[in-house]
């Protein structure tokens, strides 16, 4: 099921979306939001781990966050290849 919504975006974002092509904007925005939702969930889980184990030093936290970025990129690549969306 889908639901139509209308949003306002800054000019630079609108210009980028226009370059994506009118027929692909919904899918493009949906994929971007799914990526952000996944990222927020991963960061929440990371915070839970750190709450139990103690907060790491800044360089270690940054390394953990880069690892999450790598995992997200891998997941996105896998989904594109399979045509699936999480």
N, C-alpha and C. Protein backbone atom coordinates (compact mmCIF):
# COMPACT_ATOMS: atom_id res chain seq x y z
N UNK A 1 0.85 -1.17 0.00
CA UNK A 1 0.00 0.00 0.00
C UNK A 1 0.89 1.23 0.00
N UNK A 2 0.49 2.24 -0.67
CA UNK A 2 1.22 3.50 -0.70
C UNK A 2 0.28 4.63 -0.30
N UNK A 3 0.88 5.70 0.15
CA UNK A 3 0.12 6.89 0.53
C UNK A 3 0.80 8.09 -0.09
N UNK A 4 0.03 8.94 -0.69
CA UNK A 4 0.58 10.14 -1.33
C UNK A 4 0.71 11.23 -0.29
N UNK A 5 1.90 11.84 -0.24
CA UNK A 5 2.12 12.99 0.64
C UNK A 5 2.83 14.06 -0.17
N UNK A 6 2.73 15.28 0.30
CA UNK A 6 3.39 16.40 -0.34
C UNK A 6 4.38 17.01 0.64
N UNK A 7 5.59 17.28 0.17
CA UNK A 7 6.60 17.90 1.02
C UNK A 7 7.19 19.10 0.31
N UNK A 8 7.77 19.98 1.09
CA UNK A 8 8.51 21.12 0.55
C UNK A 8 9.98 20.88 0.84
N UNK A 9 10.82 21.15 -0.14
CA UNK A 9 12.25 20.97 0.02
C UNK A 9 12.97 22.22 -0.47
N UNK A 10 14.18 22.44 0.04
CA UNK A 10 14.96 23.59 -0.45
C UNK A 10 15.25 23.46 -1.94
N UNK A 11 15.55 24.58 -2.57
CA UNK A 11 15.79 24.62 -4.01
C UNK A 11 16.87 23.65 -4.46
N UNK A 12 17.96 23.53 -3.69
CA UNK A 12 19.04 22.65 -4.11
C UNK A 12 18.60 21.18 -4.11
N UNK A 13 17.78 20.82 -3.14
CA UNK A 13 17.27 19.45 -3.08
C UNK A 13 16.29 19.21 -4.23
N UNK A 14 15.43 20.18 -4.48
CA UNK A 14 14.48 20.06 -5.59
C UNK A 14 15.21 19.90 -6.91
N UNK A 15 16.28 20.66 -7.10
CA UNK A 15 17.05 20.56 -8.35
C UNK A 15 17.65 19.16 -8.48
N UNK A 16 18.15 18.62 -7.38
CA UNK A 16 18.70 17.27 -7.42
C UNK A 16 17.62 16.25 -7.77
N UNK A 17 16.45 16.38 -7.14
CA UNK A 17 15.36 15.44 -7.40
C UNK A 17 14.87 15.55 -8.84
N UNK A 18 14.87 16.75 -9.39
CA UNK A 18 14.47 16.91 -10.79
C UNK A 18 15.42 16.16 -11.71
N UNK A 19 16.69 16.10 -11.31
CA UNK A 19 17.67 15.36 -12.09
C UNK A 19 17.48 13.86 -12.03
N UNK A 20 16.80 13.38 -11.00
CA UNK A 20 16.53 11.95 -10.85
C UNK A 20 15.49 11.49 -11.86
N UNK A 21 14.59 12.38 -12.20
CA UNK A 21 13.52 12.03 -13.14
C UNK A 21 12.20 11.90 -12.40
N UNK A 22 11.18 12.50 -12.94
CA UNK A 22 9.88 12.57 -12.27
C UNK A 22 9.33 11.20 -11.88
N UNK A 23 9.52 10.21 -12.71
CA UNK A 23 8.96 8.89 -12.43
C UNK A 23 9.72 8.15 -11.32
N UNK A 24 10.94 8.58 -11.02
CA UNK A 24 11.75 7.86 -10.04
C UNK A 24 11.85 8.57 -8.69
N UNK A 25 11.31 9.77 -8.56
CA UNK A 25 11.47 10.55 -7.33
C UNK A 25 10.92 9.83 -6.11
N UNK A 26 9.73 9.26 -6.21
CA UNK A 26 9.14 8.58 -5.05
C UNK A 26 10.03 7.43 -4.57
N UNK A 27 10.52 6.63 -5.48
CA UNK A 27 11.39 5.53 -5.10
C UNK A 27 12.70 6.02 -4.51
N UNK A 28 13.24 7.07 -5.09
CA UNK A 28 14.50 7.65 -4.63
C UNK A 28 14.36 8.17 -3.20
N UNK A 29 13.29 8.92 -2.95
CA UNK A 29 13.05 9.47 -1.62
C UNK A 29 12.76 8.35 -0.63
N UNK A 30 11.98 7.37 -1.04
CA UNK A 30 11.67 6.23 -0.17
C UNK A 30 12.94 5.51 0.24
N UNK A 31 13.83 5.24 -0.71
CA UNK A 31 15.09 4.56 -0.40
C UNK A 31 15.94 5.39 0.56
N UNK A 32 15.98 6.71 0.35
CA UNK A 32 16.77 7.58 1.23
C UNK A 32 16.21 7.56 2.65
N UNK A 33 14.90 7.61 2.79
CA UNK A 33 14.29 7.60 4.11
C UNK A 33 14.52 6.25 4.79
N UNK A 34 14.37 5.16 4.05
CA UNK A 34 14.64 3.84 4.62
C UNK A 34 16.08 3.75 5.11
N UNK A 35 17.00 4.29 4.35
CA UNK A 35 18.40 4.30 4.76
C UNK A 35 18.57 5.06 6.08
N UNK A 36 17.94 6.23 6.18
CA UNK A 36 18.04 7.03 7.40
C UNK A 36 17.40 6.32 8.59
N UNK A 37 16.26 5.67 8.38
CA UNK A 37 15.59 4.95 9.46
C UNK A 37 16.49 3.82 9.96
N UNK A 38 17.10 3.09 9.01
CA UNK A 38 18.02 2.01 9.39
C UNK A 38 19.20 2.56 10.18
N UNK A 39 19.73 3.67 9.73
CA UNK A 39 20.88 4.30 10.40
C UNK A 39 20.51 4.72 11.81
N UNK A 40 19.35 5.34 11.99
CA UNK A 40 18.90 5.75 13.32
C UNK A 40 18.75 4.54 14.23
N UNK A 41 18.21 3.46 13.72
CA UNK A 41 18.04 2.24 14.51
C UNK A 41 19.40 1.65 14.89
N UNK A 42 20.33 1.64 13.95
CA UNK A 42 21.67 1.12 14.24
C UNK A 42 22.35 1.97 15.31
N UNK A 43 22.22 3.29 15.22
CA UNK A 43 22.82 4.15 16.23
C UNK A 43 22.17 3.95 17.59
N UNK A 44 20.86 3.73 17.60
CA UNK A 44 20.17 3.46 18.87
C UNK A 44 20.70 2.17 19.49
N UNK A 45 20.87 1.14 18.66
CA UNK A 45 21.40 -0.12 19.16
C UNK A 45 22.84 0.03 19.65
N UNK A 46 23.62 0.82 18.94
CA UNK A 46 24.99 1.08 19.36
C UNK A 46 25.01 1.78 20.72
N UNK A 47 24.12 2.75 20.90
CA UNK A 47 24.01 3.44 22.19
C UNK A 47 23.64 2.46 23.30
N UNK A 48 22.76 1.50 23.02
CA UNK A 48 22.39 0.49 24.02
C UNK A 48 23.60 -0.36 24.41
N UNK A 49 24.39 -0.74 23.42
CA UNK A 49 25.60 -1.52 23.71
C UNK A 49 26.54 -0.70 24.59
N UNK A 50 26.74 0.56 24.22
CA UNK A 50 27.65 1.40 24.99
C UNK A 50 27.12 1.68 26.39
N UNK A 51 25.80 1.72 26.56
CA UNK A 51 25.22 1.92 27.89
C UNK A 51 25.56 0.74 28.80
N UNK A 52 25.62 -0.46 28.19
CA UNK A 52 25.95 -1.66 28.99
C UNK A 52 27.45 -1.83 29.20
N UNK A 53 28.24 -1.41 28.23
CA UNK A 53 29.67 -1.70 28.27
C UNK A 53 30.53 -0.49 28.62
N UNK A 54 29.94 0.68 28.64
CA UNK A 54 30.69 1.90 28.88
C UNK A 54 30.96 2.61 27.57
N UNK A 55 30.95 3.92 27.63
CA UNK A 55 31.17 4.70 26.42
C UNK A 55 32.62 4.63 25.99
N UNK A 56 32.86 4.40 24.71
CA UNK A 56 34.23 4.35 24.21
C UNK A 56 34.79 5.76 24.02
N UNK A 57 36.07 5.81 23.80
CA UNK A 57 36.71 7.07 23.44
C UNK A 57 36.20 7.49 22.06
N UNK A 58 36.29 8.77 21.75
CA UNK A 58 35.78 9.30 20.49
C UNK A 58 36.30 8.55 19.26
N UNK A 59 37.60 8.24 19.16
CA UNK A 59 38.06 7.53 17.96
C UNK A 59 37.41 6.14 17.80
N UNK A 60 37.17 5.47 18.91
CA UNK A 60 36.54 4.15 18.83
C UNK A 60 35.08 4.27 18.43
N UNK A 61 34.40 5.27 18.94
CA UNK A 61 33.00 5.48 18.55
C UNK A 61 32.92 5.84 17.06
N UNK A 62 33.82 6.68 16.59
CA UNK A 62 33.83 7.05 15.18
C UNK A 62 34.09 5.82 14.31
N UNK A 63 34.98 4.94 14.76
CA UNK A 63 35.26 3.71 14.01
C UNK A 63 34.00 2.84 13.96
N UNK A 64 33.28 2.74 15.07
CA UNK A 64 32.04 1.95 15.11
C UNK A 64 31.00 2.55 14.16
N UNK A 65 30.90 3.86 14.13
CA UNK A 65 29.93 4.50 13.24
C UNK A 65 30.32 4.32 11.77
N UNK A 66 31.61 4.37 11.46
CA UNK A 66 32.06 4.11 10.09
C UNK A 66 31.72 2.67 9.70
N UNK A 67 31.86 1.75 10.65
CA UNK A 67 31.49 0.36 10.38
C UNK A 67 30.01 0.28 10.03
N UNK A 68 29.16 0.98 10.77
CA UNK A 68 27.72 0.99 10.47
C UNK A 68 27.47 1.56 9.07
N UNK A 69 28.20 2.59 8.70
CA UNK A 69 28.06 3.15 7.35
C UNK A 69 28.43 2.12 6.29
N UNK A 70 29.51 1.36 6.55
CA UNK A 70 29.92 0.32 5.61
C UNK A 70 28.86 -0.77 5.49
N UNK A 71 28.28 -1.15 6.62
CA UNK A 71 27.22 -2.17 6.61
C UNK A 71 26.02 -1.66 5.82
N UNK A 72 25.63 -0.40 6.05
CA UNK A 72 24.49 0.17 5.33
C UNK A 72 24.76 0.22 3.83
N UNK A 73 25.98 0.59 3.44
CA UNK A 73 26.32 0.62 2.02
C UNK A 73 26.24 -0.78 1.43
N UNK A 74 26.74 -1.76 2.15
CA UNK A 74 26.68 -3.15 1.69
C UNK A 74 25.22 -3.60 1.53
N UNK A 75 24.38 -3.27 2.53
CA UNK A 75 22.97 -3.64 2.46
C UNK A 75 22.30 -2.99 1.25
N UNK A 76 22.59 -1.72 1.01
CA UNK A 76 21.98 -1.02 -0.12
C UNK A 76 22.39 -1.65 -1.43
N UNK A 77 23.66 -1.98 -1.57
CA UNK A 77 24.15 -2.63 -2.78
C UNK A 77 23.46 -3.97 -2.98
N UNK A 78 23.34 -4.74 -1.91
CA UNK A 78 22.67 -6.05 -1.98
C UNK A 78 21.22 -5.90 -2.39
N UNK A 79 20.53 -4.91 -1.82
CA UNK A 79 19.12 -4.69 -2.15
C UNK A 79 18.96 -4.27 -3.59
N UNK A 80 19.86 -3.41 -4.09
CA UNK A 80 19.78 -2.99 -5.48
C UNK A 80 19.95 -4.17 -6.43
N UNK A 81 20.88 -5.04 -6.09
CA UNK A 81 21.12 -6.21 -6.94
C UNK A 81 19.94 -7.17 -6.95
N UNK A 82 19.28 -7.31 -5.78
CA UNK A 82 18.18 -8.26 -5.70
C UNK A 82 16.84 -7.62 -6.04
N UNK A 83 16.79 -6.28 -6.07
CA UNK A 83 15.53 -5.59 -6.34
C UNK A 83 14.63 -5.54 -5.12
N UNK A 84 15.17 -5.93 -3.95
CA UNK A 84 14.37 -5.95 -2.71
C UNK A 84 14.55 -4.66 -1.96
N UNK A 85 13.57 -4.35 -1.13
CA UNK A 85 13.62 -3.18 -0.25
C UNK A 85 13.33 -3.65 1.16
N UNK A 86 14.16 -3.23 2.12
CA UNK A 86 13.96 -3.61 3.52
C UNK A 86 12.94 -2.73 4.19
